[in-house]
Amino acid sequence: MHPGQSKSFMARGIYVTGTDTAVGKTAVAVAIVRGLVRAGKRVGVYQPVATGGGHDPDALWEAA
């Protein structure tokens, strides 16, 4: 945080990354999102790239 910057303007984020397809990135992200939602947090999700032909973006969207 820069001097004089209000905490209310700080962006927060969690990024889930991995080195290959089918290593569980989406499963981990869905678990994190569900936990945050249960805790009453407002959650937005974004998966910029989806490979492997599965329904990973759908699972993230439904969890949020």
C-alpha atoms as a PDB file:
ATOM      1  CA  MET A   1       0.000   0.000   0.000  1.00  0.00           C
ATOM      2  CA  HIS A   2       1.320   3.410  -0.932  1.00  0.00           C
ATOM      3  CA  PRO A   3       1.420   6.223   1.618  1.00  0.00           C
ATOM      4  CA  GLY A   4      -1.956   7.946   1.683  1.00  0.00           C
ATOM      5  CA  GLN A   5      -3.727   5.108  -0.123  1.00  0.00           C
ATOM      6  CA  SER A   6      -6.923   3.915   1.513  1.00  0.00           C
ATOM      7  CA  LYS A   7      -7.380   0.207   2.192  1.00  0.00           C
ATOM      8  CA  SER A   8     -10.809   0.384   0.574  1.00  0.00           C
ATOM      9  CA  PHE A   9      -9.155   0.919  -2.804  1.00  0.00           C
ATOM     10  CA  MET A  10      -6.780  -2.034  -2.619  1.00  0.00           C
ATOM     11  CA  ALA A  11      -7.595  -4.872  -4.980  1.00  0.00           C
ATOM     12  CA  ARG A  12      -7.474  -8.331  -3.457  1.00  0.00           C
ATOM     13  CA  GLY A  13      -7.112 -11.540  -5.321  1.00  0.00           C
ATOM     14  CA  ILE A  14      -6.180 -15.171  -5.144  1.00  0.00           C
ATOM     15  CA  TYR A  15      -4.535 -16.747  -8.159  1.00  0.00           C
ATOM     16  CA  VAL A  16      -4.394 -20.504  -8.627  1.00  0.00           C
ATOM     17  CA  THR A  17      -1.688 -21.629 -11.031  1.00  0.00           C
ATOM     18  CA  GLY A  18      -0.198 -24.942 -12.080  1.00  0.00           C
ATOM     19  CA  THR A  19       2.337 -26.361 -14.465  1.00  0.00           C
ATOM     20  CA  ASP A  20       0.156 -28.692 -16.507  1.00  0.00           C
ATOM     21  CA  THR A  21      -3.415 -29.584 -17.445  1.00  0.00           C
ATOM     22  CA  ALA A  22      -5.413 -31.956 -15.236  1.00  0.00           C
ATOM     23  CA  VAL A  23      -3.401 -31.227 -12.085  1.00  0.00           C
ATOM     24  CA  GLY A  24      -6.336 -29.974 -10.002  1.00  0.00           C
ATOM     25  CA  LYS A  25      -6.193 -26.188 -10.376  1.00  0.00           C
ATOM     26  CA  THR A  26      -9.914 -25.852 -10.920  1.00  0.00           C
ATOM     27  CA  ALA A  27     -10.765 -28.248  -8.074  1.00  0.00           C
ATOM     28  CA  VAL A  28      -8.646 -26.163  -5.702  1.00  0.00           C
ATOM     29  CA  ALA A  29     -10.135 -22.914  -7.007  1.00  0.00           C
ATOM     30  CA  VAL A  30     -13.687 -24.249  -6.608  1.00  0.00           C
ATOM     31  CA  ALA A  31     -12.942 -25.298  -3.004  1.00  0.00           C
ATOM     32  CA  ILE A  32     -11.541 -21.841  -2.218  1.00  0.00           C
ATOM     33  CA  VAL A  33     -14.520 -20.101  -3.826  1.00  0.00           C
ATOM     34  CA  ARG A  34     -17.051 -22.268  -1.988  1.00  0.00           C
ATOM     35  CA  GLY A  35     -15.317 -21.608   1.322  1.00  0.00           C
ATOM     36  CA  LEU A  36     -15.318 -17.861   0.739  1.00  0.00           C
ATOM     37  CA  VAL A  37     -18.981 -17.888  -0.281  1.00  0.00           C
ATOM     38  CA  ARG A  38     -19.878 -19.872   2.874  1.00  0.00           C
ATOM     39  CA  ALA A  39     -17.985 -17.249   4.886  1.00  0.00           C
ATOM     40  CA  GLY A  40     -20.238 -14.579   3.383  1.00  0.00           C
ATOM     41  CA  LYS A  41     -17.634 -13.057   1.071  1.00  0.00           C
ATOM     42  CA  ARG A  42     -18.481 -11.605  -2.306  1.00  0.00           C
ATOM     43  CA  VAL A  43     -16.600 -13.634  -4.897  1.00  0.00           C
ATOM     44  CA  GLY A  44     -15.925 -13.158  -8.587  1.00  0.00           C
ATOM     45  CA  VAL A  45     -14.167 -15.738 -10.733  1.00  0.00           C
ATOM     46  CA  TYR A  46     -12.310 -15.574 -14.006  1.00  0.00           C
ATOM     47  CA  GLN A  47     -10.631 -18.305 -15.998  1.00  0.00           C
ATOM     48  CA  PRO A  48      -8.918 -16.633 -18.961  1.00  0.00           C
ATOM     49  CA  VAL A  49      -7.855 -19.867 -20.651  1.00  0.00           C
ATOM     50  CA  ALA A  50      -9.502 -23.284 -20.554  1.00  0.00           C
ATOM     51  CA  THR A  51      -7.819 -26.268 -22.193  1.00  0.00           C
ATOM     52  CA  GLY A  52      -8.465 -29.953 -21.933  1.00  0.00           C
ATOM     53  CA  GLY A  53     -12.049 -29.921 -23.166  1.00  0.00           C
ATOM     54  CA  GLY A  54     -13.690 -30.126 -19.742  1.00  0.00           C
ATOM     55  CA  HIS A  55     -16.276 -27.947 -18.060  1.00  0.00           C
ATOM     56  CA  ASP A  56     -13.866 -26.218 -15.678  1.00  0.00           C
ATOM     57  CA  PRO A  57     -15.136 -22.668 -16.273  1.00  0.00           C
ATOM     58  CA  ASP A  58     -18.688 -23.883 -15.575  1.00  0.00           C
ATOM     59  CA  ALA A  59     -17.627 -25.377 -12.227  1.00  0.00           C
ATOM     60  CA  LEU A  60     -16.009 -22.113 -11.160  1.00  0.00           C
ATOM     61  CA  TRP A  61     -19.017 -20.045 -12.229  1.00  0.00           C
ATOM     62  CA  GLU A  62     -21.433 -22.318 -10.365  1.00  0.00           C
ATOM     63  CA  ALA A  63     -19.311 -22.216  -7.186  1.00  0.00           C
ATOM     64  CA  ALA A  64     -19.378 -18.426  -7.122  1.00  0.00           C
END
